[in-house]
C-alpha atoms as a PDB file:
ATOM      1  CA  UNK A   1       0.000   0.000   0.000  1.00  0.00           C
ATOM      2  CA  UNK A   2       1.279   3.446  -0.734  1.00  0.00           C
ATOM      3  CA  UNK A   3      -0.467   4.807   2.353  1.00  0.00           C
ATOM      4  CA  UNK A   4      -0.913   2.406   5.273  1.00  0.00           C
ATOM      5  CA  UNK A   5      -4.503   1.514   6.115  1.00  0.00           C
ATOM      6  CA  UNK A   6      -5.549   3.561   9.162  1.00  0.00           C
ATOM      7  CA  UNK A   7      -7.958   0.856  10.345  1.00  0.00           C
ATOM      8  CA  UNK A   8      -5.182  -1.738  10.249  1.00  0.00           C
ATOM      9  CA  UNK A   9      -2.941   0.633  12.206  1.00  0.00           C
ATOM     10  CA  UNK A  10      -5.738   0.963  14.791  1.00  0.00           C
ATOM     11  CA  UNK A  11      -5.975  -2.837  15.074  1.00  0.00           C
ATOM     12  CA  UNK A  12      -2.204  -3.072  15.571  1.00  0.00           C
ATOM     13  CA  UNK A  13      -2.263  -0.255  18.147  1.00  0.00           C
ATOM     14  CA  UNK A  14      -4.998  -2.009  20.117  1.00  0.00           C
ATOM     15  CA  UNK A  15      -2.996  -5.253  20.133  1.00  0.00           C
ATOM     16  CA  UNK A  16       0.064  -3.306  21.316  1.00  0.00           C
ATOM     17  CA  UNK A  17      -1.793  -1.481  24.086  1.00  0.00           C
ATOM     18  CA  UNK A  18      -3.638  -4.498  25.413  1.00  0.00           C
ATOM     19  CA  UNK A  19      -0.670  -6.857  25.379  1.00  0.00           C
ATOM     20  CA  UNK A  20      -3.076  -9.433  23.891  1.00  0.00           C
ATOM     21  CA  UNK A  21      -2.176 -12.265  21.557  1.00  0.00           C
ATOM     22  CA  UNK A  22      -5.685 -13.448  20.684  1.00  0.00           C
ATOM     23  CA  UNK A  23      -6.461 -11.277  17.616  1.00  0.00           C
ATOM     24  CA  UNK A  24      -6.490 -13.442  14.484  1.00  0.00           C
ATOM     25  CA  UNK A  25      -5.710 -11.751  11.183  1.00  0.00           C
ATOM     26  CA  UNK A  26      -5.016 -12.724   7.589  1.00  0.00           C
ATOM     27  CA  UNK A  27      -3.015 -10.403   5.330  1.00  0.00           C
ATOM     28  CA  UNK A  28      -1.820 -10.333   1.750  1.00  0.00           C
ATOM     29  CA  UNK A  29       1.669  -8.926   1.381  1.00  0.00           C
ATOM     30  CA  UNK A  30       4.021  -9.214  -1.569  1.00  0.00           C
ATOM     31  CA  UNK A  31       1.742 -11.842  -3.103  1.00  0.00           C
ATOM     32  CA  UNK A  32       1.883 -14.064  -0.012  1.00  0.00           C
ATOM     33  CA  UNK A  33      -1.072 -14.806   2.248  1.00  0.00           C
ATOM     34  CA  UNK A  34      -0.139 -14.927   5.933  1.00  0.00           C
ATOM     35  CA  UNK A  35      -2.674 -16.012   8.515  1.00  0.00           C
ATOM     36  CA  UNK A  36      -2.343 -16.266  12.282  1.00  0.00           C
ATOM     37  CA  UNK A  37      -2.594 -14.398  15.548  1.00  0.00           C
ATOM     38  CA  UNK A  38      -1.159 -10.989  16.263  1.00  0.00           C
ATOM     39  CA  UNK A  39       1.074 -10.416  19.259  1.00  0.00           C
ATOM     40  CA  UNK A  40       2.413  -7.231  20.818  1.00  0.00           C
ATOM     41  CA  UNK A  41       5.924  -6.543  19.573  1.00  0.00           C
ATOM     42  CA  UNK A  42       7.492  -7.071  23.017  1.00  0.00           C
ATOM     43  CA  UNK A  43       5.831 -10.484  23.367  1.00  0.00           C
ATOM     44  CA  UNK A  44       6.831 -11.414  19.807  1.00  0.00           C
ATOM     45  CA  UNK A  45      10.445 -10.350  20.374  1.00  0.00           C
ATOM     46  CA  UNK A  46      10.627 -12.324  23.620  1.00  0.00           C
ATOM     47  CA  UNK A  47       9.341 -15.476  21.929  1.00  0.00           C
ATOM     48  CA  UNK A  48      11.772 -15.133  18.997  1.00  0.00           C
ATOM     49  CA  UNK A  49      14.604 -14.572  21.483  1.00  0.00           C
ATOM     50  CA  UNK A  50      13.615 -17.739  23.384  1.00  0.00           C
ATOM     51  CA  UNK A  51      13.576 -19.814  20.195  1.00  0.00           C
ATOM     52  CA  UNK A  52      16.978 -18.483  19.141  1.00  0.00           C
ATOM     53  CA  UNK A  53      18.464 -18.990  22.601  1.00  0.00           C
ATOM     54  CA  UNK A  54      17.519 -22.673  22.411  1.00  0.00           C
ATOM     55  CA  UNK A  55      19.270 -23.055  19.043  1.00  0.00           C
ATOM     56  CA  UNK A  56      22.832 -24.381  18.934  1.00  0.00           C
ATOM     57  CA  UNK A  57      23.633 -22.445  15.772  1.00  0.00           C
ATOM     58  CA  UNK A  58      21.567 -19.264  16.176  1.00  0.00           C
ATOM     59  CA  UNK A  59      21.844 -18.546  19.900  1.00  0.00           C
ATOM     60  CA  UNK A  60      24.090 -15.524  19.374  1.00  0.00           C
ATOM     61  CA  UNK A  61      21.235 -13.705  17.587  1.00  0.00           C
ATOM     62  CA  UNK A  62      18.832 -13.948  20.523  1.00  0.00           C
ATOM     63  CA  UNK A  63      20.122 -10.776  22.186  1.00  0.00           C
ATOM     64  CA  UNK A  64      19.047  -8.661  19.200  1.00  0.00           C
ATOM     65  CA  UNK A  65      15.415  -9.531  19.900  1.00  0.00           C
ATOM     66  CA  UNK A  66      15.715  -9.235  23.673  1.00  0.00           C
ATOM     67  CA  UNK A  67      16.071  -5.431  23.517  1.00  0.00           C
ATOM     68  CA  UNK A  68      13.068  -3.351  24.653  1.00  0.00           C
ATOM     69  CA  UNK A  69      11.362  -1.495  21.831  1.00  0.00           C
ATOM     70  CA  UNK A  70      11.499   2.270  21.710  1.00  0.00           C
ATOM     71  CA  UNK A  71       8.549   3.440  19.657  1.00  0.00           C
ATOM     72  CA  UNK A  72       6.985   6.834  19.240  1.00  0.00           C
ATOM     73  CA  UNK A  73       3.877   7.059  17.134  1.00  0.00           C
ATOM     74  CA  UNK A  74       1.625   4.369  15.726  1.00  0.00           C
ATOM     75  CA  UNK A  75       2.798   0.799  15.051  1.00  0.00           C
ATOM     76  CA  UNK A  76       4.595   0.234  11.748  1.00  0.00           C
ATOM     77  CA  UNK A  77       4.608  -3.570  11.769  1.00  0.00           C
ATOM     78  CA  UNK A  78       2.312  -6.484  12.501  1.00  0.00           C
ATOM     79  CA  UNK A  79       3.808  -9.261  14.609  1.00  0.00           C
ATOM     80  CA  UNK A  80       2.350 -12.686  13.927  1.00  0.00           C
ATOM     81  CA  UNK A  81       2.813 -15.815  15.984  1.00  0.00           C
ATOM     82  CA  UNK A  82       1.266 -19.228  15.413  1.00  0.00           C
ATOM     83  CA  UNK A  83       1.119 -18.037  11.804  1.00  0.00           C
ATOM     84  CA  UNK A  84       1.303 -19.781   8.468  1.00  0.00           C
ATOM     85  CA  UNK A  85       2.033 -18.754   4.911  1.00  0.00           C
ATOM     86  CA  UNK A  86      -0.773 -20.224   2.824  1.00  0.00           C
ATOM     87  CA  UNK A  87       0.222 -21.986  -0.358  1.00  0.00           C
ATOM     88  CA  UNK A  88      -2.268 -24.086  -2.237  1.00  0.00           C
ATOM     89  CA  UNK A  89      -4.001 -26.318   0.263  1.00  0.00           C
ATOM     90  CA  UNK A  90      -1.315 -26.164   2.942  1.00  0.00           C
ATOM     91  CA  UNK A  91      -0.061 -23.701   5.505  1.00  0.00           C
ATOM     92  CA  UNK A  92       3.667 -23.516   6.083  1.00  0.00           C
ATOM     93  CA  UNK A  93       4.911 -24.310   8.628  1.00  0.00           C
ATOM     94  CA  UNK A  94       2.157 -26.614   9.868  1.00  0.00           C
ATOM     95  CA  UNK A  95       2.917 -25.774  13.480  1.00  0.00           C
ATOM     96  CA  UNK A  96       2.932 -22.026  12.857  1.00  0.00           C
ATOM     97  CA  UNK A  97       5.769 -19.553  12.766  1.00  0.00           C
ATOM     98  CA  UNK A  98       6.755 -16.037  13.761  1.00  0.00           C
ATOM     99  CA  UNK A  99       6.415 -13.343  11.101  1.00  0.00           C
ATOM    100  CA  UNK A 100       6.914  -9.574  11.099  1.00  0.00           C
ATOM    101  CA  UNK A 101       5.098  -7.696   8.340  1.00  0.00           C
ATOM    102  CA  UNK A 102       5.353  -3.970   7.545  1.00  0.00           C
ATOM    103  CA  UNK A 103       1.871  -2.464   7.660  1.00  0.00           C
ATOM    104  CA  UNK A 104       2.668  -0.350   4.601  1.00  0.00           C
ATOM    105  CA  UNK A 105       3.268  -3.558   2.605  1.00  0.00           C
ATOM    106  CA  UNK A 106      -0.167  -5.053   3.352  1.00  0.00           C
ATOM    107  CA  UNK A 107      -2.374  -4.877   0.251  1.00  0.00           C
ATOM    108  CA  UNK A 108      -5.424  -6.668   1.700  1.00  0.00           C
ATOM    109  CA  UNK A 109      -6.497  -8.048   5.055  1.00  0.00           C
ATOM    110  CA  UNK A 110      -9.361  -9.614   6.960  1.00  0.00           C
ATOM    111  CA  UNK A 111     -10.095 -10.412  10.573  1.00  0.00           C
ATOM    112  CA  UNK A 112      -9.764 -14.119  11.333  1.00  0.00           C
ATOM    113  CA  UNK A 113      -7.407 -16.824  10.231  1.00  0.00           C
ATOM    114  CA  UNK A 114      -7.739 -19.517   7.612  1.00  0.00           C
ATOM    115  CA  UNK A 115      -7.165 -23.170   8.171  1.00  0.00           C
ATOM    116  CA  UNK A 116      -7.481 -26.200   5.960  1.00  0.00           C
ATOM    117  CA  UNK A 117      -9.135 -29.527   6.504  1.00  0.00           C
ATOM    118  CA  UNK A 118      -8.975 -32.661   4.386  1.00  0.00           C
ATOM    119  CA  UNK A 119     -12.427 -33.717   5.593  1.00  0.00           C
END
């Protein structure tokens, strides 16, 4: 989007202020469809840091995400956890991942997440 969607910014701001991770959202960005739950940036960073800390090869990167955020103004990014990139009839990864998406890059969005069933 050339100008970020004000309503989407309001959704992100509410997630940030409430420290909630229950808001499900699906976005289209760069041709990809990402679906999952939003998390406040501090919660998202903490979880990424924990995952990296537990990694033998990536542990040294954990400290980058463990730094408190210093933000003035409205949110600029959406922070997804338990999220999947939808491709065909599958979501990758199946267990969900952690994604950070710039709000200005979102071309479409809807409340809720998509899941697939073979039944």
